[in-house]
Amino acid sequence: MKKEDAFYIGYFPKTKGLKGELQLFFEFDDYEELDFDVLFVEDAGKLVPYFVENLKIQTNQTAKVFLEDIDHIDKASPLVKKKVYLPLTQMPERDPEDFRYTDLVGFLVVDEEAGELGEITQVQELPQQFIATFVYQEKEVMFPLNEDIILEIDVENEELVVDLPEGLLDLYLSN
């Protein structure tokens, strides 16, 4: 399977016990809706299939996983820190009205004062809030996504109109 035919769901942060069990951390929002018969693990730029023997979803965005032929910690350890994918054909359908902050990746940030700033390259969910990142004048700039800053989300034109806090851009440009 090629990477363009798959979507990223998470990674294996660590092993569990001595019998080859792995912990899978989900970075895909709707992981409860996924089918886990085969997981594709990225190894040296290729996606390698692993058949799932047993998978139990936990409450903290993780799952405990046993993969076929991975029956010892020595066989599971090389998979730690590897990214995990599923085929695009298994991606759950989402209601078009179900817009999330993570959907802003690729949107153009337009500040009320400064104008067009750059394209959002990443949206991170932190415990307190979501943080968006864009590149402006060759510097990476981060700002919180909240009602005080966001003025408009133009989905059709893929633009995020914001009123960034005074001095935020200067703070990043001075470094």
N, C-alpha and C. Protein backbone atom coordinates (compact mmCIF):
# COMPACT_ATOMS: atom_id res chain seq x y z
N MET A 1 0.84 -1.18 0.00
CA MET A 1 0.00 0.00 0.00
C MET A 1 0.88 1.24 0.00
N LYS A 2 0.49 2.23 -0.77
CA LYS A 2 1.21 3.50 -0.83
C LYS A 2 0.64 4.47 0.20
N LYS A 3 1.48 5.38 0.65
CA LYS A 3 1.09 6.33 1.67
C LYS A 3 -0.09 7.20 1.23
N GLU A 4 -0.15 7.55 -0.07
CA GLU A 4 -1.25 8.38 -0.56
C GLU A 4 -2.58 7.64 -0.58
N ASP A 5 -2.55 6.31 -0.41
CA ASP A 5 -3.78 5.51 -0.36
C ASP A 5 -4.21 5.21 1.07
N ALA A 6 -3.56 5.88 2.04
CA ALA A 6 -3.83 5.61 3.44
C ALA A 6 -3.99 6.92 4.22
N PHE A 7 -4.50 6.81 5.43
CA PHE A 7 -4.58 7.98 6.31
C PHE A 7 -3.99 7.62 7.67
N TYR A 8 -3.37 8.62 8.28
CA TYR A 8 -2.64 8.46 9.54
C TYR A 8 -3.64 8.40 10.70
N ILE A 9 -3.45 7.42 11.60
CA ILE A 9 -4.33 7.33 12.77
C ILE A 9 -3.59 7.52 14.09
N GLY A 10 -2.27 7.28 14.12
CA GLY A 10 -1.53 7.43 15.37
C GLY A 10 -0.19 6.73 15.31
N TYR A 11 0.34 6.38 16.48
CA TYR A 11 1.65 5.74 16.54
C TYR A 11 1.72 4.85 17.78
N PHE A 12 2.75 4.01 17.84
CA PHE A 12 2.99 3.14 18.99
C PHE A 12 3.98 3.83 19.92
N PRO A 13 3.54 4.38 21.05
CA PRO A 13 4.49 5.05 21.95
C PRO A 13 5.34 4.09 22.77
N LYS A 14 4.81 2.87 23.05
CA LYS A 14 5.57 1.95 23.89
C LYS A 14 4.99 0.54 23.82
N THR A 15 5.77 -0.40 24.34
CA THR A 15 5.30 -1.78 24.48
C THR A 15 4.64 -1.91 25.85
N LYS A 16 3.88 -2.99 26.02
CA LYS A 16 3.23 -3.28 27.30
C LYS A 16 3.53 -4.73 27.64
N GLY A 17 4.24 -4.99 28.71
CA GLY A 17 4.53 -6.35 29.13
C GLY A 17 5.58 -7.02 28.25
N LEU A 18 5.69 -8.34 28.40
CA LEU A 18 6.73 -9.10 27.71
C LEU A 18 6.21 -9.91 26.53
N LYS A 19 4.89 -9.96 26.34
CA LYS A 19 4.29 -10.84 25.34
C LYS A 19 4.02 -10.16 24.00
N GLY A 20 4.62 -9.00 23.76
CA GLY A 20 4.50 -8.34 22.47
C GLY A 20 3.35 -7.36 22.34
N GLU A 21 2.68 -7.05 23.45
CA GLU A 21 1.57 -6.09 23.39
C GLU A 21 2.13 -4.68 23.18
N LEU A 22 1.45 -3.91 22.35
CA LEU A 22 1.84 -2.53 22.07
C LEU A 22 0.72 -1.58 22.49
N GLN A 23 1.11 -0.37 22.85
CA GLN A 23 0.13 0.67 23.08
C GLN A 23 0.04 1.49 21.79
N LEU A 24 -1.18 1.76 21.35
CA LEU A 24 -1.41 2.59 20.16
C LEU A 24 -2.04 3.89 20.63
N PHE A 25 -1.38 5.03 20.33
CA PHE A 25 -1.92 6.34 20.67
C PHE A 25 -2.58 6.92 19.43
N PHE A 26 -3.86 7.27 19.55
CA PHE A 26 -4.62 7.79 18.41
C PHE A 26 -4.47 9.30 18.28
N GLU A 27 -4.14 9.74 17.06
CA GLU A 27 -4.15 11.16 16.75
C GLU A 27 -5.25 11.46 15.73
N PHE A 28 -6.07 10.46 15.45
CA PHE A 28 -7.22 10.59 14.56
C PHE A 28 -8.45 10.76 15.45
N ASP A 29 -9.24 11.81 15.21
CA ASP A 29 -10.36 12.16 16.09
C ASP A 29 -11.39 11.05 16.27
N ASP A 30 -11.82 10.42 15.19
CA ASP A 30 -12.92 9.47 15.26
C ASP A 30 -12.43 8.02 15.32
N TYR A 31 -11.44 7.76 16.17
CA TYR A 31 -10.83 6.43 16.21
C TYR A 31 -11.82 5.34 16.66
N GLU A 32 -12.86 5.70 17.40
CA GLU A 32 -13.83 4.70 17.85
C GLU A 32 -14.59 4.09 16.67
N GLU A 33 -14.66 4.78 15.55
CA GLU A 33 -15.41 4.34 14.39
C GLU A 33 -14.58 3.52 13.39
N LEU A 34 -13.32 3.29 13.69
CA LEU A 34 -12.43 2.61 12.75
C LEU A 34 -12.52 1.10 12.86
N ASP A 35 -12.17 0.43 11.77
CA ASP A 35 -12.11 -1.03 11.71
C ASP A 35 -10.64 -1.43 11.77
N PHE A 36 -10.30 -2.28 12.73
CA PHE A 36 -8.90 -2.59 12.98
C PHE A 36 -8.52 -4.03 12.64
N ASP A 37 -8.80 -4.49 11.44
CA ASP A 37 -8.39 -5.84 11.09
C ASP A 37 -6.92 -5.88 10.65
N VAL A 38 -6.48 -4.83 9.95
CA VAL A 38 -5.08 -4.71 9.52
C VAL A 38 -4.62 -3.29 9.79
N LEU A 39 -3.43 -3.16 10.39
CA LEU A 39 -2.81 -1.85 10.59
C LEU A 39 -1.59 -1.79 9.67
N PHE A 40 -1.35 -0.62 9.08
CA PHE A 40 -0.18 -0.42 8.23
C PHE A 40 0.80 0.45 8.99
N VAL A 41 1.99 -0.09 9.21
CA VAL A 41 3.02 0.59 10.00
C VAL A 41 4.09 1.12 9.05
N GLU A 42 4.43 2.40 9.21
CA GLU A 42 5.45 3.00 8.35
C GLU A 42 6.83 2.54 8.79
N ASP A 43 7.56 1.97 7.84
CA ASP A 43 8.91 1.50 8.12
C ASP A 43 9.78 1.83 6.90
N ALA A 44 10.76 2.68 7.07
CA ALA A 44 11.66 3.10 5.99
C ALA A 44 10.88 3.64 4.80
N GLY A 45 9.85 4.44 5.08
CA GLY A 45 9.08 5.08 4.02
C GLY A 45 8.03 4.20 3.36
N LYS A 46 7.93 2.95 3.78
CA LYS A 46 6.93 2.03 3.21
C LYS A 46 5.92 1.66 4.28
N LEU A 47 4.71 1.30 3.84
CA LEU A 47 3.68 0.87 4.77
C LEU A 47 3.63 -0.66 4.78
N VAL A 48 3.92 -1.22 5.95
CA VAL A 48 3.97 -2.66 6.12
C VAL A 48 2.70 -3.11 6.85
N PRO A 49 1.96 -4.10 6.28
CA PRO A 49 0.73 -4.55 6.94
C PRO A 49 1.00 -5.48 8.12
N TYR A 50 0.23 -5.29 9.19
CA TYR A 50 0.25 -6.16 10.36
C TYR A 50 -1.20 -6.51 10.69
N PHE A 51 -1.50 -7.80 10.77
CA PHE A 51 -2.84 -8.23 11.10
C PHE A 51 -3.06 -8.13 12.61
N VAL A 52 -4.21 -7.58 12.97
CA VAL A 52 -4.54 -7.38 14.38
C VAL A 52 -5.14 -8.65 14.96
N GLU A 53 -4.53 -9.13 16.02
CA GLU A 53 -5.02 -10.30 16.71
C GLU A 53 -6.05 -9.89 17.75
N ASN A 54 -5.75 -8.80 18.47
CA ASN A 54 -6.64 -8.32 19.52
C ASN A 54 -6.37 -6.83 19.73
N LEU A 55 -7.44 -6.04 19.88
CA LEU A 55 -7.30 -4.61 20.12
C LEU A 55 -8.38 -4.18 21.09
N LYS A 56 -7.96 -3.54 22.18
CA LYS A 56 -8.90 -3.03 23.19
C LYS A 56 -8.70 -1.53 23.33
N ILE A 57 -9.74 -0.77 22.99
CA ILE A 57 -9.67 0.69 23.10
C ILE A 57 -9.78 1.08 24.57
N GLN A 58 -8.89 1.97 25.00
CA GLN A 58 -8.87 2.50 26.36
C GLN A 58 -9.57 3.86 26.38
N THR A 59 -9.69 4.46 27.56
CA THR A 59 -10.40 5.74 27.69
C THR A 59 -9.53 6.95 27.39
N ASN A 60 -8.22 6.80 27.31
CA ASN A 60 -7.31 7.95 27.17
C ASN A 60 -6.72 8.08 25.76
N GLN A 61 -7.53 7.87 24.74
CA GLN A 61 -7.10 8.00 23.35
C GLN A 61 -6.04 6.97 22.98
N THR A 62 -6.06 5.84 23.67
CA THR A 62 -5.10 4.77 23.38
C THR A 62 -5.83 3.44 23.23
N ALA A 63 -5.09 2.46 22.74
CA ALA A 63 -5.58 1.09 22.67
C ALA A 63 -4.42 0.17 22.99
N LYS A 64 -4.76 -1.00 23.51
CA LYS A 64 -3.78 -2.07 23.70
C LYS A 64 -3.94 -3.01 22.52
N VAL A 65 -2.82 -3.34 21.85
CA VAL A 65 -2.88 -4.09 20.61
C VAL A 65 -1.94 -5.29 20.64
N PHE A 66 -2.46 -6.44 20.20
CA PHE A 66 -1.64 -7.60 19.90
C PHE A 66 -1.70 -7.81 18.39
N LEU A 67 -0.55 -7.90 17.75
CA LEU A 67 -0.46 -8.13 16.31
C LEU A 67 -0.04 -9.57 16.06
N GLU A 68 -0.53 -10.15 14.96
CA GLU A 68 -0.13 -11.52 14.61
C GLU A 68 1.38 -11.60 14.45
N ASP A 69 1.96 -12.68 14.93
CA ASP A 69 3.39 -12.97 14.84
C ASP A 69 4.26 -12.04 15.68
N ILE A 70 3.66 -11.15 16.46
CA ILE A 70 4.42 -10.31 17.39
C ILE A 70 4.07 -10.84 18.79
N ASP A 71 4.86 -11.81 19.26
CA ASP A 71 4.52 -12.51 20.49
C ASP A 71 5.57 -12.34 21.60
N HIS A 72 6.47 -11.38 21.40
CA HIS A 72 7.51 -11.15 22.40
C HIS A 72 7.92 -9.68 22.34
N ILE A 73 8.35 -9.15 23.46
CA ILE A 73 8.76 -7.75 23.53
C ILE A 73 9.87 -7.44 22.52
N ASP A 74 10.74 -8.40 22.25
CA ASP A 74 11.83 -8.19 21.29
C ASP A 74 11.30 -7.98 19.87
N LYS A 75 10.16 -8.58 19.55
CA LYS A 75 9.56 -8.39 18.23
C LYS A 75 8.73 -7.10 18.18
N ALA A 76 8.19 -6.68 19.32
CA ALA A 76 7.35 -5.48 19.38
C ALA A 76 8.19 -4.20 19.47
N SER A 77 9.32 -4.26 20.12
CA SER A 77 10.15 -3.06 20.35
C SER A 77 10.52 -2.29 19.08
N PRO A 78 10.85 -2.96 17.96
CA PRO A 78 11.18 -2.19 16.75
C PRO A 78 10.01 -1.36 16.19
N LEU A 79 8.78 -1.65 16.64
CA LEU A 79 7.61 -0.91 16.17
C LEU A 79 7.34 0.36 16.98
N VAL A 80 7.99 0.49 18.13
CA VAL A 80 7.80 1.67 18.99
C VAL A 80 8.23 2.93 18.24
N LYS A 81 7.42 3.96 18.35
CA LYS A 81 7.59 5.27 17.71
C LYS A 81 7.25 5.25 16.21
N LYS A 82 6.76 4.14 15.70
CA LYS A 82 6.39 4.05 14.27
C LYS A 82 4.97 4.57 14.09
N LYS A 83 4.74 5.23 12.94
CA LYS A 83 3.42 5.76 12.61
C LYS A 83 2.53 4.65 12.07
N VAL A 84 1.23 4.76 12.37
CA VAL A 84 0.26 3.73 11.99
C VAL A 84 -0.80 4.34 11.08
N TYR A 85 -1.13 3.61 10.01
CA TYR A 85 -2.08 4.07 9.00
C TYR A 85 -3.15 3.02 8.74
N LEU A 86 -4.25 3.47 8.14
CA LEU A 86 -5.31 2.60 7.63
C LEU A 86 -5.60 3.00 6.19
N PRO A 87 -6.16 2.08 5.39
CA PRO A 87 -6.50 2.43 4.00
C PRO A 87 -7.57 3.53 3.94
N LEU A 88 -7.48 4.41 2.95
CA LEU A 88 -8.47 5.47 2.77
C LEU A 88 -9.88 4.92 2.66
N THR A 89 -10.02 3.70 2.15
CA THR A 89 -11.35 3.10 2.01
C THR A 89 -12.01 2.86 3.36
N GLN A 90 -11.23 2.87 4.44
CA GLN A 90 -11.78 2.65 5.78
C GLN A 90 -12.02 3.95 6.55
N MET A 91 -11.77 5.09 5.92
CA MET A 91 -11.98 6.36 6.61
C MET A 91 -13.48 6.59 6.80
N PRO A 92 -13.90 6.86 8.04
CA PRO A 92 -15.33 7.08 8.29
C PRO A 92 -15.82 8.37 7.62
N GLU A 93 -17.07 8.32 7.15
CA GLU A 93 -17.70 9.51 6.58
C GLU A 93 -17.99 10.49 7.70
N ARG A 94 -17.81 11.78 7.39
CA ARG A 94 -18.09 12.80 8.38
C ARG A 94 -19.15 13.75 7.84
N ASP A 95 -20.06 14.16 8.68
CA ASP A 95 -21.09 15.12 8.30
C ASP A 95 -20.40 16.42 7.88
N PRO A 96 -20.75 16.96 6.70
CA PRO A 96 -20.12 18.21 6.23
C PRO A 96 -20.29 19.37 7.21
N GLU A 97 -21.32 19.31 8.04
CA GLU A 97 -21.54 20.37 9.03
C GLU A 97 -20.61 20.22 10.24
N ASP A 98 -19.94 19.09 10.36
CA ASP A 98 -19.07 18.80 11.49
C ASP A 98 -17.68 19.37 11.24
N PHE A 99 -17.52 20.69 11.36
CA PHE A 99 -16.25 21.37 11.13
C PHE A 99 -15.45 21.40 12.42
N ARG A 100 -14.17 21.09 12.33
CA ARG A 100 -13.29 21.06 13.50
C ARG A 100 -12.10 21.98 13.26
N TYR A 101 -11.48 22.43 14.34
CA TYR A 101 -10.30 23.28 14.21
C TYR A 101 -9.21 22.61 13.40
N THR A 102 -9.07 21.29 13.51
CA THR A 102 -8.04 20.59 12.75
C THR A 102 -8.28 20.68 11.24
N ASP A 103 -9.51 21.01 10.82
CA ASP A 103 -9.82 21.20 9.40
C ASP A 103 -9.22 22.49 8.85
N LEU A 104 -8.68 23.35 9.71
CA LEU A 104 -8.11 24.63 9.28
C LEU A 104 -6.73 24.50 8.63
N VAL A 105 -6.10 23.34 8.72
CA VAL A 105 -4.79 23.16 8.08
C VAL A 105 -4.96 23.41 6.58
N GLY A 106 -4.12 24.30 6.05
CA GLY A 106 -4.21 24.68 4.64
C GLY A 106 -4.95 25.99 4.42
N PHE A 107 -5.66 26.48 5.43
CA PHE A 107 -6.38 27.75 5.32
C PHE A 107 -5.39 28.91 5.38
N LEU A 108 -5.70 29.99 4.69
CA LEU A 108 -4.89 31.21 4.71
C LEU A 108 -5.29 32.05 5.91
N VAL A 109 -4.31 32.47 6.71
CA VAL A 109 -4.57 33.35 7.85
C VAL A 109 -4.55 34.78 7.35
N VAL A 110 -5.65 35.51 7.59
CA VAL A 110 -5.77 36.91 7.19
C VAL A 110 -6.04 37.71 8.45
N ASP A 111 -5.08 38.58 8.81
CA ASP A 111 -5.25 39.42 9.99
C ASP A 111 -5.98 40.69 9.60
N GLU A 112 -6.85 41.15 10.49
CA GLU A 112 -7.64 42.37 10.26
C GLU A 112 -6.75 43.58 9.98
N GLU A 113 -5.61 43.66 10.66
CA GLU A 113 -4.69 44.79 10.50
C GLU A 113 -3.60 44.52 9.45
N ALA A 114 -2.92 43.38 9.57
CA ALA A 114 -1.74 43.10 8.76
C ALA A 114 -2.04 42.47 7.40
N GLY A 115 -3.26 42.00 7.19
CA GLY A 115 -3.61 41.37 5.91
C GLY A 115 -3.22 39.90 5.87
N GLU A 116 -2.94 39.39 4.65
CA GLU A 116 -2.59 37.98 4.48
C GLU A 116 -1.25 37.68 5.14
N LEU A 117 -1.24 36.62 5.98
CA LEU A 117 -0.04 36.30 6.73
C LEU A 117 0.63 35.00 6.27
N GLY A 118 -0.16 33.97 6.04
CA GLY A 118 0.41 32.69 5.65
C GLY A 118 -0.60 31.58 5.81
N GLU A 119 -0.22 30.39 5.34
CA GLU A 119 -1.09 29.23 5.37
C GLU A 119 -0.88 28.43 6.65
N ILE A 120 -1.95 27.99 7.26
CA ILE A 120 -1.86 27.19 8.48
C ILE A 120 -1.23 25.84 8.13
N THR A 121 -0.13 25.54 8.80
CA THR A 121 0.59 24.29 8.54
C THR A 121 0.27 23.21 9.56
N GLN A 122 -0.23 23.62 10.73
CA GLN A 122 -0.49 22.65 11.79
C GLN A 122 -1.50 23.23 12.77
N VAL A 123 -2.34 22.33 13.31
CA VAL A 123 -3.24 22.69 14.41
C VAL A 123 -3.03 21.64 15.50
N GLN A 124 -2.66 22.10 16.68
CA GLN A 124 -2.40 21.20 17.81
C GLN A 124 -3.49 21.39 18.86
N GLU A 125 -3.90 20.28 19.47
CA GLU A 125 -4.84 20.36 20.58
C GLU A 125 -4.05 20.21 21.87
N LEU A 126 -4.03 21.26 22.64
CA LEU A 126 -3.40 21.23 23.95
C LEU A 126 -4.51 21.11 25.00
N PRO A 127 -4.18 20.77 26.24
CA PRO A 127 -5.25 20.61 27.23
C PRO A 127 -6.15 21.84 27.39
N GLN A 128 -5.60 23.04 27.27
CA GLN A 128 -6.39 24.24 27.49
C GLN A 128 -7.06 24.77 26.22
N GLN A 129 -6.43 24.54 25.05
CA GLN A 129 -6.93 25.15 23.82
C GLN A 129 -6.26 24.56 22.59
N PHE A 130 -6.75 24.99 21.43
CA PHE A 130 -6.13 24.62 20.16
C PHE A 130 -5.16 25.72 19.77
N ILE A 131 -4.04 25.33 19.15
CA ILE A 131 -3.01 26.27 18.70
C ILE A 131 -2.79 26.06 17.21
N ALA A 132 -2.82 27.14 16.44
CA ALA A 132 -2.55 27.07 15.00
C ALA A 132 -1.15 27.61 14.74
N THR A 133 -0.51 27.05 13.70
CA THR A 133 0.84 27.46 13.32
C THR A 133 0.85 27.83 11.85
N PHE A 134 1.53 28.94 11.53
CA PHE A 134 1.75 29.34 10.13
C PHE A 134 3.13 29.96 10.03
N VAL A 135 3.65 30.05 8.80
CA VAL A 135 4.96 30.64 8.57
C VAL A 135 4.77 32.05 8.01
N TYR A 136 5.40 33.03 8.68
CA TYR A 136 5.32 34.43 8.27
C TYR A 136 6.74 34.99 8.24
N GLN A 137 7.15 35.49 7.10
CA GLN A 137 8.50 36.04 6.90
C GLN A 137 9.56 35.05 7.41
N GLU A 138 9.41 33.80 6.99
CA GLU A 138 10.33 32.71 7.30
C GLU A 138 10.42 32.37 8.79
N LYS A 139 9.45 32.82 9.57
CA LYS A 139 9.38 32.48 11.00
C LYS A 139 8.09 31.73 11.28
N GLU A 140 8.18 30.72 12.11
CA GLU A 140 6.99 29.97 12.51
C GLU A 140 6.26 30.75 13.60
N VAL A 141 4.97 31.02 13.36
CA VAL A 141 4.16 31.80 14.29
C VAL A 141 3.02 30.91 14.80
N MET A 142 2.81 30.97 16.11
CA MET A 142 1.72 30.19 16.73
C MET A 142 0.75 31.14 17.40
N PHE A 143 -0.55 30.79 17.32
CA PHE A 143 -1.55 31.59 18.02
C PHE A 143 -2.71 30.70 18.45
N PRO A 144 -3.38 31.08 19.54
CA PRO A 144 -4.50 30.27 20.02
C PRO A 144 -5.73 30.44 19.14
N LEU A 145 -6.47 29.37 18.99
CA LEU A 145 -7.73 29.44 18.25
C LEU A 145 -8.84 29.58 19.28
N ASN A 146 -9.36 30.81 19.38
CA ASN A 146 -10.47 31.04 20.30
C ASN A 146 -11.35 32.18 19.78
N GLU A 147 -12.48 32.38 20.42
CA GLU A 147 -13.48 33.35 19.97
C GLU A 147 -12.96 34.78 19.98
N ASP A 148 -11.99 35.08 20.86
CA ASP A 148 -11.45 36.44 20.94
C ASP A 148 -10.60 36.78 19.72
N ILE A 149 -9.97 35.78 19.13
CA ILE A 149 -9.05 36.01 18.01
C ILE A 149 -9.70 35.76 16.65
N ILE A 150 -10.52 34.72 16.56
CA ILE A 150 -11.15 34.37 15.28
C ILE A 150 -12.34 35.29 15.01
N LEU A 151 -12.27 35.98 13.87
CA LEU A 151 -13.38 36.84 13.47
C LEU A 151 -14.31 36.13 12.49
N GLU A 152 -13.71 35.31 11.60
CA GLU A 152 -14.51 34.62 10.59
C GLU A 152 -13.75 33.41 10.07
N ILE A 153 -14.49 32.33 9.83
CA ILE A 153 -13.95 31.16 9.16
C ILE A 153 -14.67 31.04 7.84
N ASP A 154 -13.95 31.35 6.75
CA ASP A 154 -14.53 31.29 5.40
C ASP A 154 -14.13 29.95 4.78
N VAL A 155 -15.02 28.95 4.94
CA VAL A 155 -14.73 27.59 4.49
C VAL A 155 -14.62 27.55 2.97
N GLU A 156 -15.49 28.28 2.29
CA GLU A 156 -15.52 28.26 0.82
C GLU A 156 -14.20 28.74 0.22
N ASN A 157 -13.64 29.82 0.76
CA ASN A 157 -12.38 30.38 0.24
C ASN A 157 -11.16 29.91 1.04
N GLU A 158 -11.39 29.05 2.02
CA GLU A 158 -10.33 28.53 2.90
C GLU A 158 -9.49 29.66 3.50
N GLU A 159 -10.19 30.58 4.15
CA GLU A 159 -9.53 31.69 4.84
C GLU A 159 -9.99 31.76 6.29
N LEU A 160 -9.05 32.08 7.16
CA LEU A 160 -9.34 32.31 8.57
C LEU A 160 -9.02 33.78 8.86
N VAL A 161 -10.05 34.56 9.12
CA VAL A 161 -9.88 35.98 9.40
C VAL A 161 -9.73 36.12 10.91
N VAL A 162 -8.63 36.77 11.31
CA VAL A 162 -8.31 36.87 12.74
C VAL A 162 -7.97 38.30 13.14
N ASP A 163 -8.00 38.53 14.43
CA ASP A 163 -7.51 39.77 15.02
C ASP A 163 -6.46 39.34 16.04
N LEU A 164 -5.21 39.18 15.54
CA LEU A 164 -4.13 38.70 16.42
C LEU A 164 -3.82 39.73 17.50
N PRO A 165 -3.43 39.27 18.67
CA PRO A 165 -3.06 40.20 19.75
C PRO A 165 -1.94 41.15 19.30
N GLU A 166 -2.04 42.37 19.73
CA GLU A 166 -1.05 43.39 19.37
C GLU A 166 0.33 42.94 19.83
N GLY A 167 1.30 43.01 18.92
CA GLY A 167 2.68 42.67 19.24
C GLY A 167 3.04 41.20 19.05
N LEU A 168 2.07 40.34 18.73
CA LEU A 168 2.37 38.92 18.58
C LEU A 168 3.33 38.68 17.43
N LEU A 169 3.06 39.25 16.27
CA LEU A 169 3.96 39.06 15.12
C LEU A 169 5.34 39.62 15.42
N ASP A 170 5.40 40.79 16.04
CA ASP A 170 6.69 41.40 16.38
C ASP A 170 7.51 40.50 17.31
N LEU A 171 6.82 39.83 18.20
CA LEU A 171 7.49 38.93 19.14
C LEU A 171 8.20 37.81 18.40
N TYR A 172 7.54 37.22 17.41
CA TYR A 172 8.16 36.14 16.63
C TYR A 172 9.24 36.66 15.68
N LEU A 173 9.04 37.84 15.13
CA LEU A 173 9.99 38.38 14.15
C LEU A 173 11.26 38.89 14.82
N SER A 174 11.21 39.21 16.12
CA SER A 174 12.38 39.74 16.80
C SER A 174 13.38 38.64 17.18
N ASN A 175 12.98 37.39 17.08
CA ASN A 175 13.90 36.29 17.45
C ASN A 175 14.83 35.94 16.33
